[in-house]
Amino acid sequence: MSIFKRLFNVGKSEAHSAIDKMEDPIKMTEQGIRDMKNDLTNALEGLAQVKAMLIRSQNDKTQFDNKAKDYQNKAMLILQKTQKESISAEDGDRLAREALVKKEENTEHSKRCGIEIEKFSKSVSQLETNVNSLKNNVGKWENELKTLKARVKVSNATKNLNKQMASIDSSSTVNMLEKMREKVSEEEALADAYGDIANESKSVDDELDRVLNNTSASAESDLDALKKQMGM
């Protein structure tokens, strides 16, 4: 069938396509599955119609067989009546002969129905094989489609991640880090310099305080000496 050829080409195309070109095989597979489902619907309708004809032929054959037996019984009853002289031999033979003709007609109809039953049975068997094959293939390709979509999703995620990784300029990043490191070093050196200046300033103040404290101490000593001299 053309659908199988088309699906085979889809699978072949999928196997040889680049990973970023897998959207088209998905669409083609989806269309192929839709076509297969339509074929399956048509096959089921054909199977139902042929089965209906088979059932009708079987019913017709049963009816013709029953009629043939009925005419056979009627012919026997007519002959029995003839033996009992219920009817004349001439009428008995005529009616029995007509009953047997009817029996033969129904027997022929039954044979024809038997031939139709054999033909329809073969058709039903073939259609059932095709329907089962289509069902299996629809299920198989639906599972293949699920796998294909999952692969595309994973590959797209991987591709996007790789693109993001590829877009990062490692050399510029390193240079930026080096400049940042130099800037930090400069800031740290500047902070140390301000610290030294601050310490130096503190040293001058400390010296001044020390001098001032010494003066205060000398004045205090002189005051004590003066009090002692005055007897205080």
Protein backbone atom coordinates (compact mmCIF):
# COMPACT_ATOMS: atom_id res chain seq x y z
CA MET A 1 0.00 0.00 0.00
CA SER A 2 1.10 3.53 -0.69
CA ILE A 3 0.76 4.48 2.96
CA PHE A 4 3.39 1.96 4.00
CA LYS A 5 5.77 3.25 1.36
CA ARG A 6 5.19 6.80 2.52
CA LEU A 7 5.75 5.89 6.17
CA PHE A 8 8.89 3.98 5.24
CA ASN A 9 10.20 7.11 3.56
CA VAL A 10 9.32 9.08 6.67
CA GLY A 11 11.35 6.73 8.83
CA LYS A 12 14.25 6.80 6.37
CA SER A 13 14.11 10.59 6.23
CA GLU A 14 14.02 10.81 10.00
CA ALA A 15 17.04 8.57 10.35
CA HIS A 16 19.15 10.65 8.00
CA SER A 17 17.95 14.14 8.86
CA ALA A 18 19.82 16.56 11.01
CA ILE A 19 18.36 16.91 14.46
CA ASP A 20 17.21 20.48 13.83
CA LYS A 21 15.20 19.39 10.80
CA MET A 22 12.98 16.92 12.62
CA GLU A 23 9.79 19.04 12.59
CA ASP A 24 8.92 18.00 9.04
CA PRO A 25 9.21 14.24 9.71
CA ILE A 26 6.86 14.72 12.67
CA LYS A 27 4.27 16.44 10.50
CA MET A 28 4.69 13.80 7.81
CA THR A 29 4.27 11.02 10.36
CA GLU A 30 1.17 12.68 11.81
CA GLN A 31 -0.31 12.94 8.31
CA GLY A 32 0.63 9.32 7.63
CA ILE A 33 -1.13 8.19 10.80
CA ARG A 34 -4.23 10.17 9.85
CA ASP A 35 -4.19 8.50 6.42
CA MET A 36 -3.80 5.08 8.03
CA LYS A 37 -6.75 5.75 10.34
CA ASN A 38 -8.87 6.72 7.33
CA ASP A 39 -7.79 3.50 5.61
CA LEU A 40 -8.68 1.61 8.79
CA THR A 41 -12.15 3.21 8.89
CA ASN A 42 -12.76 2.28 5.26
CA ALA A 43 -11.50 -1.27 5.88
CA LEU A 44 -13.83 -1.65 8.88
CA GLU A 45 -16.79 -0.44 6.83
CA GLY A 46 -15.91 -2.90 4.03
CA LEU A 47 -15.52 -5.71 6.56
CA ALA A 48 -18.92 -4.93 8.08
CA GLN A 49 -20.57 -4.95 4.64
CA VAL A 50 -19.01 -8.27 3.62
CA LYS A 51 -19.89 -9.81 6.99
CA ALA A 52 -23.49 -8.65 6.48
CA MET A 53 -23.57 -10.37 3.07
CA LEU A 54 -22.10 -13.53 4.61
CA ILE A 55 -24.73 -13.58 7.34
CA ARG A 56 -27.49 -13.00 4.79
CA SER A 57 -26.21 -15.88 2.61
CA GLN A 58 -26.03 -18.15 5.65
CA ASN A 59 -29.62 -17.27 6.59
CA ASP A 60 -30.82 -17.74 2.99
CA LYS A 61 -29.11 -21.15 2.80
CA THR A 62 -30.83 -22.24 6.01
CA GLN A 63 -34.20 -21.14 4.64
CA PHE A 64 -33.65 -22.91 1.30
CA ASP A 65 -32.52 -26.10 3.09
CA ASN A 66 -35.64 -26.00 5.28
CA LYS A 67 -37.87 -25.45 2.25
CA ALA A 68 -36.18 -28.33 0.39
CA LYS A 69 -36.84 -30.62 3.36
CA ASP A 70 -40.41 -29.36 3.59
CA TYR A 71 -41.11 -30.14 -0.07
CA GLN A 72 -39.46 -33.55 0.38
CA ASN A 73 -41.81 -34.26 3.29
CA LYS A 74 -44.78 -33.02 1.29
CA ALA A 75 -43.91 -35.30 -1.60
CA MET A 76 -43.70 -38.27 0.78
CA LEU A 77 -47.04 -37.36 2.40
CA ILE A 78 -48.70 -37.11 -1.02
CA LEU A 79 -47.40 -40.58 -1.97
CA GLN A 80 -48.61 -41.96 1.38
CA LYS A 81 -52.07 -40.54 0.69
CA THR A 82 -51.95 -42.14 -2.74
CA GLN A 83 -51.14 -45.48 -1.15
CA LYS A 84 -54.09 -45.00 1.20
CA GLU A 85 -56.14 -44.02 -1.85
CA SER A 86 -57.04 -40.73 -0.27
CA ILE A 87 -56.26 -39.13 -3.61
CA SER A 88 -55.97 -40.59 -7.06
CA ALA A 89 -52.65 -42.02 -8.20
CA GLU A 90 -52.52 -39.55 -11.06
CA ASP A 91 -53.04 -36.51 -8.82
CA GLY A 92 -50.69 -37.98 -6.23
CA ASP A 93 -47.90 -38.42 -8.76
CA ARG A 94 -48.44 -34.93 -10.17
CA LEU A 95 -48.38 -33.21 -6.81
CA ALA A 96 -45.47 -35.29 -5.61
CA ARG A 97 -43.58 -34.44 -8.79
CA GLU A 98 -44.26 -30.70 -8.36
CA ALA A 99 -43.13 -30.89 -4.73
CA LEU A 100 -39.92 -32.58 -5.81
CA VAL A 101 -39.37 -29.86 -8.45
CA LYS A 102 -39.76 -27.24 -5.72
CA LYS A 103 -37.40 -29.24 -3.54
CA GLU A 104 -34.82 -29.26 -6.33
CA GLU A 105 -35.18 -25.51 -6.91
CA ASN A 106 -34.54 -24.80 -3.24
CA THR A 107 -31.65 -27.24 -3.20
CA GLU A 108 -30.05 -25.34 -6.10
CA HIS A 109 -30.58 -22.03 -4.27
CA SER A 110 -28.96 -23.58 -1.20
CA LYS A 111 -25.92 -24.66 -3.28
CA ARG A 112 -25.61 -21.15 -4.69
CA CYS A 113 -25.73 -19.74 -1.17
CA GLY A 114 -23.06 -22.26 -0.15
CA ILE A 115 -20.74 -20.91 -2.89
CA GLU A 116 -21.41 -17.33 -1.78
CA ILE A 117 -20.75 -18.26 1.84
CA GLU A 118 -17.36 -19.73 0.90
CA LYS A 119 -16.47 -16.62 -1.14
CA PHE A 120 -17.62 -14.16 1.53
CA SER A 121 -15.84 -16.14 4.25
CA LYS A 122 -12.53 -15.80 2.38
CA SER A 123 -13.16 -12.07 1.90
CA VAL A 124 -13.97 -11.63 5.59
CA SER A 125 -10.81 -13.48 6.57
CA GLN A 126 -8.68 -11.32 4.24
CA LEU A 127 -10.31 -8.08 5.42
CA GLU A 128 -9.86 -9.06 9.07
CA THR A 129 -6.16 -9.66 8.37
CA ASN A 130 -5.87 -6.22 6.76
CA VAL A 131 -7.77 -4.53 9.59
CA ASN A 132 -5.57 -6.14 12.23
CA SER A 133 -2.46 -5.18 10.27
CA LEU A 134 -3.65 -1.57 10.01
CA LYS A 135 -4.48 -1.47 13.72
CA ASN A 136 -1.02 -2.76 14.59
CA ASN A 137 0.67 -0.27 12.28
CA VAL A 138 -1.37 2.65 13.62
CA GLY A 139 -0.36 1.70 17.17
CA LYS A 140 3.27 1.21 16.11
CA TRP A 141 3.51 4.59 14.38
CA GLU A 142 1.72 6.39 17.18
CA ASN A 143 4.38 5.06 19.57
CA GLU A 144 7.10 6.02 17.08
CA LEU A 145 5.61 9.52 16.91
CA LYS A 146 5.68 9.86 20.71
CA THR A 147 9.35 8.83 20.72
CA LEU A 148 10.12 11.21 17.88
CA LYS A 149 8.48 14.15 19.63
CA ALA A 150 10.36 13.37 22.85
CA ARG A 151 13.66 13.26 20.93
CA VAL A 152 12.89 16.59 19.28
CA LYS A 153 12.09 18.16 22.65
CA VAL A 154 15.34 16.92 24.17
CA SER A 155 17.40 17.88 21.14
CA ASN A 156 15.88 21.38 21.05
CA ALA A 157 16.64 21.88 24.73
CA THR A 158 20.20 20.65 24.19
CA LYS A 159 20.60 22.81 21.11
CA ASN A 160 19.38 25.94 22.91
CA LEU A 161 21.70 25.24 25.83
CA ASN A 162 24.63 24.71 23.51
CA LYS A 163 23.80 27.94 21.68
CA GLN A 164 23.79 29.81 24.97
CA MET A 165 27.09 28.25 25.94
CA ALA A 166 28.57 29.03 22.54
CA SER A 167 27.45 32.66 22.73
CA ILE A 168 29.59 33.24 25.84
CA ASP A 169 32.96 34.93 24.96
CA SER A 170 35.40 33.31 27.35
CA SER A 171 38.29 35.65 26.48
CA SER A 172 36.26 38.78 27.17
CA THR A 173 35.06 37.29 30.43
CA VAL A 174 38.63 36.56 31.52
CA ASN A 175 39.71 40.08 30.59
CA MET A 176 36.81 41.50 32.53
CA LEU A 177 37.80 39.45 35.58
CA GLU A 178 41.43 40.58 35.25
CA LYS A 179 40.35 44.21 35.13
CA MET A 180 38.12 43.66 38.12
CA ARG A 181 41.01 42.02 39.99
CA GLU A 182 43.29 44.99 39.15
CA LYS A 183 40.61 47.41 40.25
CA VAL A 184 40.17 45.58 43.54
CA SER A 185 43.95 45.59 44.05
CA GLU A 186 44.06 49.31 43.37
CA GLU A 187 41.22 49.95 45.78
CA GLU A 188 42.92 47.85 48.44
CA ALA A 189 46.24 49.69 47.90
CA LEU A 190 44.44 53.03 48.10
CA ALA A 191 42.75 51.93 51.32
CA ASP A 192 46.14 50.96 52.77
CA ALA A 193 47.55 54.33 51.75
CA TYR A 194 44.73 56.17 53.47
CA GLY A 195 45.34 53.95 56.50
CA ASP A 196 49.02 54.91 56.58
CA ILE A 197 48.15 58.56 56.25
CA ALA A 198 45.65 58.22 59.05
CA ASN A 199 48.27 56.52 61.24
CA GLU A 200 50.79 59.23 60.47
CA SER A 201 48.25 61.87 61.44
CA LYS A 202 47.58 60.07 64.66
CA SER A 203 51.33 60.02 65.39
CA VAL A 204 51.58 63.82 65.12
CA ASP A 205 48.60 64.26 67.38
CA ASP A 206 49.95 61.75 69.81
CA GLU A 207 53.24 63.64 69.88
CA LEU A 208 51.46 66.90 70.46
CA ASP A 209 49.35 65.35 73.22
CA ARG A 210 52.44 63.89 74.79
CA VAL A 211 54.13 67.24 74.72
CA LEU A 212 51.09 68.93 76.11
CA ASN A 213 50.74 66.27 78.81
CA ASN A 214 54.42 66.74 79.75
CA THR A 215 53.81 70.49 80.09
CA SER A 216 50.83 69.84 82.28
CA ALA A 217 52.86 67.42 84.37
CA SER A 218 55.70 70.02 84.75
CA ALA A 219 53.23 72.72 85.77
CA GLU A 220 51.66 70.35 88.28
CA SER A 221 55.15 69.59 89.66
CA ASP A 222 55.98 73.29 89.93
CA LEU A 223 52.69 73.91 91.72
CA ASP A 224 53.45 71.19 94.25
CA ALA A 225 56.96 72.66 94.85
CA LEU A 226 55.52 76.12 95.34
CA LYS A 227 52.94 74.85 97.84
CA LYS A 228 55.69 73.04 99.70
CA GLN A 229 57.82 76.19 99.82
CA MET A 230 54.93 78.17 101.22
CA GLY A 231 54.28 75.51 103.78
CA MET A 232 50.99 74.59 102.42
